[in-house]
PDB file of all heavy atoms in Angstrom:
ATOM      1  N   PHE A   1       0.830  -1.203   0.000  1.00  0.00           N
ATOM      2  CA  PHE A   1       0.000   0.000   0.000  1.00  0.00           C
ATOM      3  C   PHE A   1       0.866   1.256   0.000  1.00  0.00           C
ATOM      4  O   PHE A   1       0.632   2.204  -0.765  1.00  0.00           O
ATOM      5  CB  PHE A   1      -0.920  -0.017   1.225  1.00  0.00           C
ATOM      6  CG  PHE A   1      -1.651   1.265   1.475  1.00  0.00           C
ATOM      7  CD1 PHE A   1      -2.854   1.534   0.833  1.00  0.00           C
ATOM      8  CD2 PHE A   1      -1.138   2.226   2.354  1.00  0.00           C
ATOM      9  CE1 PHE A   1      -3.530   2.722   1.064  1.00  0.00           C
ATOM     10  CE2 PHE A   1      -1.812   3.413   2.582  1.00  0.00           C
ATOM     11  CZ  PHE A   1      -3.012   3.657   1.930  1.00  0.00           C
ATOM     12  N   ALA A   2       1.903   1.281   0.852  1.00  0.00           N
ATOM     13  CA  ALA A   2       2.770   2.448   0.949  1.00  0.00           C
ATOM     14  C   ALA A   2       3.622   2.620  -0.306  1.00  0.00           C
ATOM     15  O   ALA A   2       3.822   3.751  -0.791  1.00  0.00           O
ATOM     16  CB  ALA A   2       3.662   2.333   2.182  1.00  0.00           C
ATOM     17  N   ALA A   3       4.145   1.520  -0.835  1.00  0.00           N
ATOM     18  CA  ALA A   3       4.992   1.604  -2.030  1.00  0.00           C
ATOM     19  C   ALA A   3       4.203   2.110  -3.229  1.00  0.00           C
ATOM     20  O   ALA A   3       4.727   2.892  -4.041  1.00  0.00           O
ATOM     21  CB  ALA A   3       5.608   0.238  -2.321  1.00  0.00           C
ATOM     22  N   ASN A   4       2.952   1.689  -3.370  1.00  0.00           N
ATOM     23  CA  ASN A   4       2.123   2.122  -4.502  1.00  0.00           C
ATOM     24  C   ASN A   4       1.761   3.600  -4.421  1.00  0.00           C
ATOM     25  O   ASN A   4       1.387   4.198  -5.430  1.00  0.00           O
ATOM     26  CB  ASN A   4       0.843   1.284  -4.560  1.00  0.00           C
ATOM     27  CG  ASN A   4       1.118  -0.157  -4.910  1.00  0.00           C
ATOM     28  OD1 ASN A   4       2.129  -0.468  -5.542  1.00  0.00           O
ATOM     29  ND2 ASN A   4       0.234  -1.064  -4.487  1.00  0.00           N
ATOM     30  N   ARG A   5       1.874   4.187  -3.240  1.00  0.00           N
ATOM     31  CA  ARG A   5       1.534   5.607  -3.061  1.00  0.00           C
ATOM     32  C   ARG A   5       2.768   6.498  -2.917  1.00  0.00           C
ATOM     33  O   ARG A   5       2.675   7.627  -2.472  1.00  0.00           O
ATOM     34  CB  ARG A   5       0.601   5.767  -1.856  1.00  0.00           C
ATOM     35  CG  ARG A   5      -0.827   5.351  -2.204  1.00  0.00           C
ATOM     36  CD  ARG A   5      -1.618   4.962  -0.980  1.00  0.00           C
ATOM     37  NE  ARG A   5      -2.988   4.571  -1.350  1.00  0.00           N
ATOM     38  CZ  ARG A   5      -3.295   3.397  -1.893  1.00  0.00           C
ATOM     39  NH1 ARG A   5      -2.349   2.496  -2.126  1.00  0.00           N
ATOM     40  NH2 ARG A   5      -4.554   3.117  -2.205  1.00  0.00           N
ATOM     41  N   GLY A   6       3.923   5.962  -3.293  1.00  0.00           N
ATOM     42  CA  GLY A   6       5.128   6.775  -3.378  1.00  0.00           C
ATOM     43  C   GLY A   6       5.889   6.969  -2.084  1.00  0.00           C
ATOM     44  O   GLY A   6       6.767   7.836  -2.018  1.00  0.00           O
ATOM     45  N   TYR A   7       5.589   6.191  -1.053  1.00  0.00           N
ATOM     46  CA  TYR A   7       6.349   6.296   0.188  1.00  0.00           C
ATOM     47  C   TYR A   7       7.679   5.575   0.042  1.00  0.00           C
ATOM     48  O   TYR A   7       7.769   4.516  -0.583  1.00  0.00           O
ATOM     49  CB  TYR A   7       5.558   5.705   1.358  1.00  0.00           C
ATOM     50  CG  TYR A   7       4.391   6.560   1.780  1.00  0.00           C
ATOM     51  CD1 TYR A   7       3.102   6.295   1.312  1.00  0.00           C
ATOM     52  CD2 TYR A   7       4.567   7.633   2.642  1.00  0.00           C
ATOM     53  CE1 TYR A   7       2.016   7.079   1.699  1.00  0.00           C
ATOM     54  CE2 TYR A   7       3.497   8.420   3.041  1.00  0.00           C
ATOM     55  CZ  TYR A   7       2.227   8.133   2.562  1.00  0.00           C
ATOM     56  OH  TYR A   7       1.162   8.916   2.935  1.00  0.00           O
ATOM     57  N   SER A   8       8.713   6.151   0.654  1.00  0.00           N
ATOM     58  CA  SER A   8      10.048   5.554   0.556  1.00  0.00           C
ATOM     59  C   SER A   8      10.342   4.594   1.701  1.00  0.00           C
ATOM     60  O   SER A   8      11.168   3.693   1.549  1.00  0.00           O
ATOM     61  CB  SER A   8      11.114   6.656   0.536  1.00  0.00           C
ATOM     62  OG  SER A   8      11.076   7.410   1.745  1.00  0.00           O
ATOM     63  N   ASP A   9       9.682   4.793   2.851  1.00  0.00           N
ATOM     64  CA  ASP A   9       9.948   3.942   4.013  1.00  0.00           C
ATOM     65  C   ASP A   9       8.665   3.714   4.794  1.00  0.00           C
ATOM     66  O   ASP A   9       7.756   4.559   4.798  1.00  0.00           O
ATOM     67  CB  ASP A   9      10.995   4.590   4.935  1.00  0.00           C
ATOM     68  CG  ASP A   9      12.356   4.684   4.280  1.00  0.00           C
ATOM     69  OD1 ASP A   9      13.133   3.730   4.385  1.00  0.00           O
ATOM     70  OD2 ASP A   9      12.631   5.718   3.647  1.00  0.00           O
ATOM     71  N   LEU A  10       8.634   2.586   5.480  1.00  0.00           N
ATOM     72  CA  LEU A  10       7.499   2.232   6.332  1.00  0.00           C
ATOM     73  C   LEU A  10       8.024   1.913   7.733  1.00  0.00           C
ATOM     74  O   LEU A  10       8.966   1.132   7.884  1.00  0.00           O
ATOM     75  CB  LEU A  10       6.760   1.010   5.770  1.00  0.00           C
ATOM     76  CG  LEU A  10       5.655   0.399   6.650  1.00  0.00           C
ATOM     77  CD1 LEU A  10       4.497   1.372   6.810  1.00  0.00           C
ATOM     78  CD2 LEU A  10       5.185  -0.933   6.079  1.00  0.00           C
ATOM     79  N   ILE A  11       7.436   2.535   8.743  1.00  0.00           N
ATOM     80  CA  ILE A  11       7.790   2.272  10.138  1.00  0.00           C
ATOM     81  C   ILE A  11       6.576   1.670  10.830  1.00  0.00           C
ATOM     82  O   ILE A  11       5.501   2.278  10.842  1.00  0.00           O
ATOM     83  CB  ILE A  11       8.234   3.555  10.867  1.00  0.00           C
ATOM     84  CG1 ILE A  11       9.536   4.092  10.259  1.00  0.00           C
ATOM     85  CG2 ILE A  11       8.425   3.296  12.351  1.00  0.00           C
ATOM     86  CD1 ILE A  11      10.003   5.393  10.883  1.00  0.00           C
ATOM     87  N   VAL A  12       6.757   0.469  11.389  1.00  0.00           N
ATOM     88  CA  VAL A  12       5.689  -0.217  12.112  1.00  0.00           C
ATOM     89  C   VAL A  12       6.107  -0.304  13.583  1.00  0.00           C
ATOM     90  O   VAL A  12       7.120  -0.919  13.918  1.00  0.00           O
ATOM     91  CB  VAL A  12       5.437  -1.628  11.559  1.00  0.00           C
ATOM     92  CG1 VAL A  12       4.282  -2.286  12.308  1.00  0.00           C
ATOM     93  CG2 VAL A  12       5.138  -1.566  10.065  1.00  0.00           C
ATOM     94  N   LEU A  13       5.329   0.315  14.462  1.00  0.00           N
ATOM     95  CA  LEU A  13       5.608   0.310  15.901  1.00  0.00           C
ATOM     96  C   LEU A  13       4.695  -0.696  16.588  1.00  0.00           C
ATOM     97  O   LEU A  13       3.483  -0.702  16.356  1.00  0.00           O
ATOM     98  CB  LEU A  13       5.388   1.700  16.492  1.00  0.00           C
ATOM     99  CG  LEU A  13       6.291   2.813  15.940  1.00  0.00           C
ATOM    100  CD1 LEU A  13       5.822   4.169  16.438  1.00  0.00           C
ATOM    101  CD2 LEU A  13       7.733   2.583  16.334  1.00  0.00           C
ATOM    102  N   ASN A  14       5.292  -1.534  17.417  1.00  0.00           N
ATOM    103  CA  ASN A  14       4.533  -2.545  18.149  1.00  0.00           C
ATOM    104  C   ASN A  14       4.605  -2.270  19.649  1.00  0.00           C
ATOM    105  O   ASN A  14       5.441  -1.491  20.112  1.00  0.00           O
ATOM    106  CB  ASN A  14       5.076  -3.945  17.839  1.00  0.00           C
ATOM    107  CG  ASN A  14       4.896  -4.313  16.382  1.00  0.00           C
ATOM    108  OD1 ASN A  14       3.811  -4.165  15.828  1.00  0.00           O
ATOM    109  ND2 ASN A  14       5.965  -4.769  15.752  1.00  0.00           N
ATOM    110  N   GLU A  15       3.736  -2.940  20.399  1.00  0.00           N
ATOM    111  CA  GLU A  15       3.685  -2.731  21.842  1.00  0.00           C
ATOM    112  C   GLU A  15       3.468  -4.054  22.555  1.00  0.00           C
ATOM    113  O   GLU A  15       3.029  -5.047  21.960  1.00  0.00           O
ATOM    114  CB  GLU A  15       2.569  -1.748  22.207  1.00  0.00           C
ATOM    115  CG  GLU A  15       1.174  -2.248  21.878  1.00  0.00           C
ATOM    116  CD  GLU A  15       0.097  -1.259  22.240  1.00  0.00           C
ATOM    117  OE1 GLU A  15       0.402  -0.246  22.888  1.00  0.00           O
ATOM    118  OE2 GLU A  15      -1.073  -1.512  21.879  1.00  0.00           O
ATOM    119  N   ASP A  16       3.799  -4.055  23.845  1.00  0.00           N
ATOM    120  CA  ASP A  16       3.574  -5.208  24.709  1.00  0.00           C
ATOM    121  C   ASP A  16       3.186  -4.684  26.083  1.00  0.00           C
ATOM    122  O   ASP A  16       3.872  -3.818  26.639  1.00  0.00           O
ATOM    123  CB  ASP A  16       4.836  -6.073  24.792  1.00  0.00           C
ATOM    124  CG  ASP A  16       4.615  -7.320  25.631  1.00  0.00           C
ATOM    125  OD1 ASP A  16       3.499  -7.856  25.595  1.00  0.00           O
ATOM    126  OD2 ASP A  16       5.556  -7.749  26.319  1.00  0.00           O
ATOM    127  N   GLN A  17       2.074  -5.187  26.611  1.00  0.00           N
ATOM    128  CA  GLN A  17       1.544  -4.730  27.891  1.00  0.00           C
ATOM    129  C   GLN A  17       1.347  -3.213  27.900  1.00  0.00           C
ATOM    130  O   GLN A  17       1.743  -2.512  28.832  1.00  0.00           O
ATOM    131  CB  GLN A  17       2.474  -5.163  29.036  1.00  0.00           C
ATOM    132  CG  GLN A  17       2.573  -6.660  29.185  1.00  0.00           C
ATOM    133  CD  GLN A  17       3.470  -7.093  30.322  1.00  0.00           C
ATOM    134  OE1 GLN A  17       4.111  -6.261  30.973  1.00  0.00           O
ATOM    135  NE2 GLN A  17       3.534  -8.380  30.584  1.00  0.00           N
ATOM    136  N   LYS A  18       0.788  -2.720  26.806  1.00  0.00           N
ATOM    137  CA  LYS A  18       0.427  -1.311  26.637  1.00  0.00           C
ATOM    138  C   LYS A  18       1.639  -0.370  26.586  1.00  0.00           C
ATOM    139  O   LYS A  18       1.511   0.839  26.792  1.00  0.00           O
ATOM    140  CB  LYS A  18      -0.530  -0.846  27.740  1.00  0.00           C
ATOM    141  CG  LYS A  18      -1.846  -1.608  27.771  1.00  0.00           C
ATOM    142  CD  LYS A  18      -2.762  -1.061  28.843  1.00  0.00           C
ATOM    143  CE  LYS A  18      -4.081  -1.831  28.870  1.00  0.00           C
ATOM    144  NZ  LYS A  18      -5.013  -1.289  29.899  1.00  0.00           N
ATOM    145  N   LYS A  19       2.831  -0.917  26.296  1.00  0.00           N
ATOM    146  CA  LYS A  19       4.036  -0.104  26.196  1.00  0.00           C
ATOM    147  C   LYS A  19       4.740  -0.409  24.881  1.00  0.00           C
ATOM    148  O   LYS A  19       4.863  -1.583  24.513  1.00  0.00           O
ATOM    149  CB  LYS A  19       4.982  -0.382  27.368  1.00  0.00           C
ATOM    150  CG  LYS A  19       4.426   0.027  28.718  1.00  0.00           C
ATOM    151  CD  LYS A  19       5.427  -0.284  29.815  1.00  0.00           C
ATOM    152  CE  LYS A  19       4.872   0.108  31.190  1.00  0.00           C
ATOM    153  NZ  LYS A  19       5.849  -0.202  32.281  1.00  0.00           N
ATOM    154  N   PRO A  20       5.221   0.611  24.147  1.00  0.00           N
ATOM    155  CA  PRO A  20       5.962   0.345  22.909  1.00  0.00           C
ATOM    156  C   PRO A  20       7.208  -0.488  23.196  1.00  0.00           C
ATOM    157  O   PRO A  20       7.941  -0.219  24.144  1.00  0.00           O
ATOM    158  CB  PRO A  20       6.344   1.751  22.420  1.00  0.00           C
ATOM    159  CG  PRO A  20       5.393   2.673  23.108  1.00  0.00           C
ATOM    160  CD  PRO A  20       5.074   2.044  24.423  1.00  0.00           C
ATOM    161  N   ASN A  21       7.426  -1.505  22.367  1.00  0.00           N
ATOM    162  CA  ASN A  21       8.568  -2.392  22.639  1.00  0.00           C
ATOM    163  C   ASN A  21       9.406  -2.727  21.410  1.00  0.00           C
ATOM    164  O   ASN A  21      10.488  -3.293  21.553  1.00  0.00           O
ATOM    165  CB  ASN A  21       8.078  -3.693  23.279  1.00  0.00           C
ATOM    166  CG  ASN A  21       7.329  -4.580  22.293  1.00  0.00           C
ATOM    167  OD1 ASN A  21       6.665  -4.080  21.377  1.00  0.00           O
ATOM    168  ND2 ASN A  21       7.428  -5.882  22.457  1.00  0.00           N
ATOM    169  N   SER A  22       8.956  -2.372  20.187  1.00  0.00           N
ATOM    170  CA  SER A  22       9.750  -2.715  19.011  1.00  0.00           C
ATOM    171  C   SER A  22       9.360  -1.815  17.838  1.00  0.00           C
ATOM    172  O   SER A  22       8.288  -1.201  17.817  1.00  0.00           O
ATOM    173  CB  SER A  22       9.564  -4.187  18.624  1.00  0.00           C
ATOM    174  OG  SER A  22       8.226  -4.439  18.239  1.00  0.00           O
ATOM    175  N   MET A  23      10.283  -1.766  16.875  1.00  0.00           N
ATOM    176  CA  MET A  23      10.061  -0.959  15.673  1.00  0.00           C
ATOM    177  C   MET A  23      10.566  -1.725  14.466  1.00  0.00           C
ATOM    178  O   MET A  23      11.683  -2.252  14.468  1.00  0.00           O
ATOM    179  CB  MET A  23      10.790   0.388  15.786  1.00  0.00           C
ATOM    180  CG  MET A  23      10.634   1.264  14.547  1.00  0.00           C
ATOM    181  SD  MET A  23      11.433   2.885  14.737  1.00  0.00           S
ATOM    182  CE  MET A  23      13.168   2.404  14.651  1.00  0.00           C
ATOM    183  N   LEU A  24       9.749  -1.782  13.438  1.00  0.00           N
ATOM    184  CA  LEU A  24      10.113  -2.412  12.174  1.00  0.00           C
ATOM    185  C   LEU A  24      10.296  -1.310  11.144  1.00  0.00           C
ATOM    186  O   LEU A  24       9.382  -0.531  10.888  1.00  0.00           O
ATOM    187  CB  LEU A  24       9.014  -3.385  11.735  1.00  0.00           C
ATOM    188  CG  LEU A  24       9.338  -4.288  10.541  1.00  0.00           C
ATOM    189  CD1 LEU A  24      10.382  -5.324  10.925  1.00  0.00           C
ATOM    190  CD2 LEU A  24       8.071  -4.976  10.041  1.00  0.00           C
ATOM    191  N   LEU A  25      11.504  -1.236  10.550  1.00  0.00           N
ATOM    192  CA  LEU A  25      11.820  -0.214   9.557  1.00  0.00           C
ATOM    193  C   LEU A  25      12.011  -0.895   8.217  1.00  0.00           C
ATOM    194  O   LEU A  25      12.918  -1.721   8.050  1.00  0.00           O
ATOM    195  CB  LEU A  25      13.081   0.554   9.965  1.00  0.00           C
ATOM    196  CG  LEU A  25      13.611   1.598   8.974  1.00  0.00           C
ATOM    197  CD1 LEU A  25      12.553   2.661   8.683  1.00  0.00           C
ATOM    198  CD2 LEU A  25      14.878   2.243   9.516  1.00  0.00           C
ATOM    199  N   VAL A  26      11.139  -0.564   7.261  1.00  0.00           N
ATOM    200  CA  VAL A  26      11.149  -1.194   5.936  1.00  0.00           C
ATOM    201  C   VAL A  26      11.439  -0.127   4.892  1.00  0.00           C
ATOM    202  O   VAL A  26      10.734   0.885   4.824  1.00  0.00           O
ATOM    203  CB  VAL A  26       9.805  -1.881   5.627  1.00  0.00           C
ATOM    204  CG1 VAL A  26       9.880  -2.627   4.303  1.00  0.00           C
ATOM    205  CG2 VAL A  26       9.404  -2.815   6.754  1.00  0.00           C
ATOM    206  N   HIS A  27      12.471  -0.363   4.081  1.00  0.00           N
ATOM    207  CA  HIS A  27      12.751   0.533   2.961  1.00  0.00           C
ATOM    208  C   HIS A  27      12.008   0.015   1.737  1.00  0.00           C
ATOM    209  O   HIS A  27      12.141  -1.158   1.366  1.00  0.00           O
ATOM    210  CB  HIS A  27      14.252   0.605   2.687  1.00  0.00           C
ATOM    211  CG  HIS A  27      14.615   1.591   1.617  1.00  0.00           C
ATOM    212  ND1 HIS A  27      14.456   2.949   1.787  1.00  0.00           N
ATOM    213  CD2 HIS A  27      15.112   1.406   0.368  1.00  0.00           C
ATOM    214  CE1 HIS A  27      14.855   3.571   0.688  1.00  0.00           C
ATOM    215  NE2 HIS A  27      15.244   2.657  -0.190  1.00  0.00           N
ATOM    216  N   LEU A  28      11.235   0.871   1.132  1.00  0.00           N
ATOM    217  CA  LEU A  28      10.381   0.470   0.018  1.00  0.00           C
ATOM    218  C   LEU A  28      11.042   0.805  -1.319  1.00  0.00           C
ATOM    219  O   LEU A  28      11.814   1.753  -1.415  1.00  0.00           O
ATOM    220  CB  LEU A  28       9.031   1.187   0.130  1.00  0.00           C
ATOM    221  CG  LEU A  28       8.279   0.947   1.451  1.00  0.00           C
ATOM    222  CD1 LEU A  28       7.051   1.832   1.529  1.00  0.00           C
ATOM    223  CD2 LEU A  28       7.899  -0.514   1.596  1.00  0.00           C
ATOM    224  N   PRO A  29      10.774   0.011  -2.368  1.00  0.00           N
ATOM    225  CA  PRO A  29       9.824  -1.113  -2.386  1.00  0.00           C
ATOM    226  C   PRO A  29      10.439  -2.479  -2.083  1.00  0.00           C
ATOM    227  O   PRO A  29       9.728  -3.426  -1.799  1.00  0.00           O
ATOM    228  CB  PRO A  29       9.310  -1.086  -3.830  1.00  0.00           C
ATOM    229  CG  PRO A  29      10.481  -0.586  -4.617  1.00  0.00           C
ATOM    230  CD  PRO A  29      11.210   0.394  -3.723  1.00  0.00           C
ATOM    231  N   ASN A  30      11.755  -2.605  -2.132  1.00  0.00           N
ATOM    232  CA  ASN A  30      12.375  -3.932  -2.078  1.00  0.00           C
ATOM    233  C   ASN A  30      13.298  -4.131  -0.879  1.00  0.00           C
ATOM    234  O   ASN A  30      14.158  -5.008  -0.903  1.00  0.00           O
ATOM    235  CB  ASN A  30      13.174  -4.186  -3.365  1.00  0.00           C
ATOM    236  CG  ASN A  30      12.315  -4.132  -4.611  1.00  0.00           C
ATOM    237  OD1 ASN A  30      11.209  -4.674  -4.627  1.00  0.00           O
ATOM    238  ND2 ASN A  30      12.793  -3.469  -5.647  1.00  0.00           N
ATOM    239  N   GLY A  31      13.146  -3.350   0.171  1.00  0.00           N
ATOM    240  CA  GLY A  31      13.989  -3.536   1.348  1.00  0.00           C
ATOM    241  C   GLY A  31      15.258  -2.713   1.259  1.00  0.00           C
ATOM    242  O   GLY A  31      15.399  -1.871   0.367  1.00  0.00           O
ATOM    243  N   PRO A  32      16.156  -2.904   2.228  1.00  0.00           N
ATOM    244  CA  PRO A  32      16.147  -3.911   3.295  1.00  0.00           C
ATOM    245  C   PRO A  32      15.204  -3.566   4.454  1.00  0.00           C
ATOM    246  O   PRO A  32      14.640  -2.479   4.492  1.00  0.00           O
ATOM    247  CB  PRO A  32      17.603  -3.913   3.775  1.00  0.00           C
ATOM    248  CG  PRO A  32      18.082  -2.528   3.501  1.00  0.00           C
ATOM    249  CD  PRO A  32      17.394  -2.111   2.234  1.00  0.00           C
ATOM    250  N   THR A  33      15.080  -4.501   5.379  1.00  0.00           N
ATOM    251  CA  THR A  33      14.204  -4.358   6.539  1.00  0.00           C
ATOM    252  C   THR A  33      15.014  -4.590   7.812  1.00  0.00           C
ATOM    253  O   THR A  33      15.853  -5.490   7.845  1.00  0.00           O
ATOM    254  CB  THR A  33      13.047  -5.370   6.468  1.00  0.00           C
ATOM    255  OG1 THR A  33      12.273  -5.103   5.290  1.00  0.00           O
ATOM    256  CG2 THR A  33      12.156  -5.261   7.693  1.00  0.00           C
ATOM    257  N   ALA A  34      14.772  -3.780   8.813  1.00  0.00           N
ATOM    258  CA  ALA A  34      15.463  -3.924  10.098  1.00  0.00           C
ATOM    259  C   ALA A  34      14.431  -3.957  11.214  1.00  0.00           C
ATOM    260  O   ALA A  34      13.434  -3.228  11.185  1.00  0.00           O
ATOM    261  CB  ALA A  34      16.451  -2.775  10.324  1.00  0.00           C
ATOM    262  N   TYR A  35      14.696  -4.812  12.202  1.00  0.00           N
ATOM    263  CA  TYR A  35      13.823  -4.938  13.365  1.00  0.00           C
ATOM    264  C   TYR A  35      14.608  -4.482  14.593  1.00  0.00           C
ATOM    265  O   TYR A  35      15.677  -5.014  14.889  1.00  0.00           O
ATOM    266  CB  TYR A  35      13.356  -6.385  13.529  1.00  0.00           C
ATOM    267  CG  TYR A  35      12.511  -6.624  14.756  1.00  0.00           C
ATOM    268  CD1 TYR A  35      11.153  -6.318  14.759  1.00  0.00           C
ATOM    269  CD2 TYR A  35      13.065  -7.159  15.918  1.00  0.00           C
ATOM    270  CE1 TYR A  35      10.376  -6.537  15.884  1.00  0.00           C
ATOM    271  CE2 TYR A  35      12.302  -7.392  17.043  1.00  0.00           C
ATOM    272  CZ  TYR A  35      10.958  -7.074  17.017  1.00  0.00           C
ATOM    273  OH  TYR A  35      10.194  -7.297  18.132  1.00  0.00           O
ATOM    274  N   PHE A  36      14.089  -3.483  15.300  1.00  0.00           N
ATOM    275  CA  PHE A  36      14.747  -2.938  16.483  1.00  0.00           C
ATOM    276  C   PHE A  36      13.865  -3.170  17.706  1.00  0.00           C
ATOM    277  O   PHE A  36      12.650  -2.977  17.642  1.00  0.00           O
ATOM    278  CB  PHE A  36      14.984  -1.427  16.345  1.00  0.00           C
ATOM    279  CG  PHE A  36      15.827  -1.033  15.167  1.00  0.00           C
ATOM    280  CD1 PHE A  36      15.239  -0.641  13.979  1.00  0.00           C
ATOM    281  CD2 PHE A  36      17.207  -1.047  15.250  1.00  0.00           C
ATOM    282  CE1 PHE A  36      16.003  -0.273  12.896  1.00  0.00           C
ATOM    283  CE2 PHE A  36      17.986  -0.677  14.174  1.00  0.00           C
ATOM    284  CZ  PHE A  36      17.389  -0.292  12.993  1.00  0.00           C
ATOM    285  N   ARG A  37      14.498  -3.550  18.824  1.00  0.00           N
ATOM    286  CA  ARG A  37      13.791  -3.544  20.102  1.00  0.00           C
ATOM    287  C   ARG A  37      13.902  -2.152  20.701  1.00  0.00           C
ATOM    288  O   ARG A  37      14.964  -1.536  20.656  1.00  0.00           O
ATOM    289  CB  ARG A  37      14.405  -4.569  21.052  1.00  0.00           C
ATOM    290  CG  ARG A  37      14.085  -6.008  20.683  1.00  0.00           C
ATOM    291  CD  ARG A  37      14.306  -6.915  21.889  1.00  0.00           C
ATOM    292  NE  ARG A  37      13.971  -8.299  21.554  1.00  0.00           N
ATOM    293  CZ  ARG A  37      14.876  -9.235  21.299  1.00  0.00           C
ATOM    294  NH1 ARG A  37      16.145  -8.931  21.327  1.00  0.00           N
ATOM    295  NH2 ARG A  37      14.503 -10.467  21.016  1.00  0.00           N
ATOM    296  N   LEU A  38      12.816  -1.660  21.271  1.00  0.00           N
ATOM    297  CA  LEU A  38      12.783  -0.323  21.870  1.00  0.00           C
ATOM    298  C   LEU A  38      12.759  -0.432  23.391  1.00  0.00           C
ATOM    299  O   LEU A  38      12.092  -1.303  23.953  1.00  0.00           O
ATOM    300  CB  LEU A  38      11.551   0.448  21.388  1.00  0.00           C
ATOM    301  CG  LEU A  38      11.441   0.722  19.890  1.00  0.00           C
ATOM    302  CD1 LEU A  38      10.151   1.485  19.601  1.00  0.00           C
ATOM    303  CD2 LEU A  38      12.634   1.497  19.389  1.00  0.00           C
ATOM    304  N   SER A  39      13.482   0.478  24.044  1.00  0.00           N
ATOM    305  CA  SER A  39      13.482   0.528  25.502  1.00  0.00           C
ATOM    306  C   SER A  39      13.733   1.965  25.944  1.00  0.00           C
ATOM    307  O   SER A  39      14.118   2.818  25.139  1.00  0.00           O
ATOM    308  CB  SER A  39      14.557  -0.407  26.075  1.00  0.00           C
ATOM    309  OG  SER A  39      15.847  -0.007  25.638  1.00  0.00           O
TER     310      SER A  39
END
């Protein structure tokens, strides 16, 4: 969806027990992708 609309990167933030705990950074359209733990 993001790549088709001209976005260069996608950031997905996740949470655990109502607190942010990780971040997924995707470079569009073909990567690379990095997964970071947040603290």
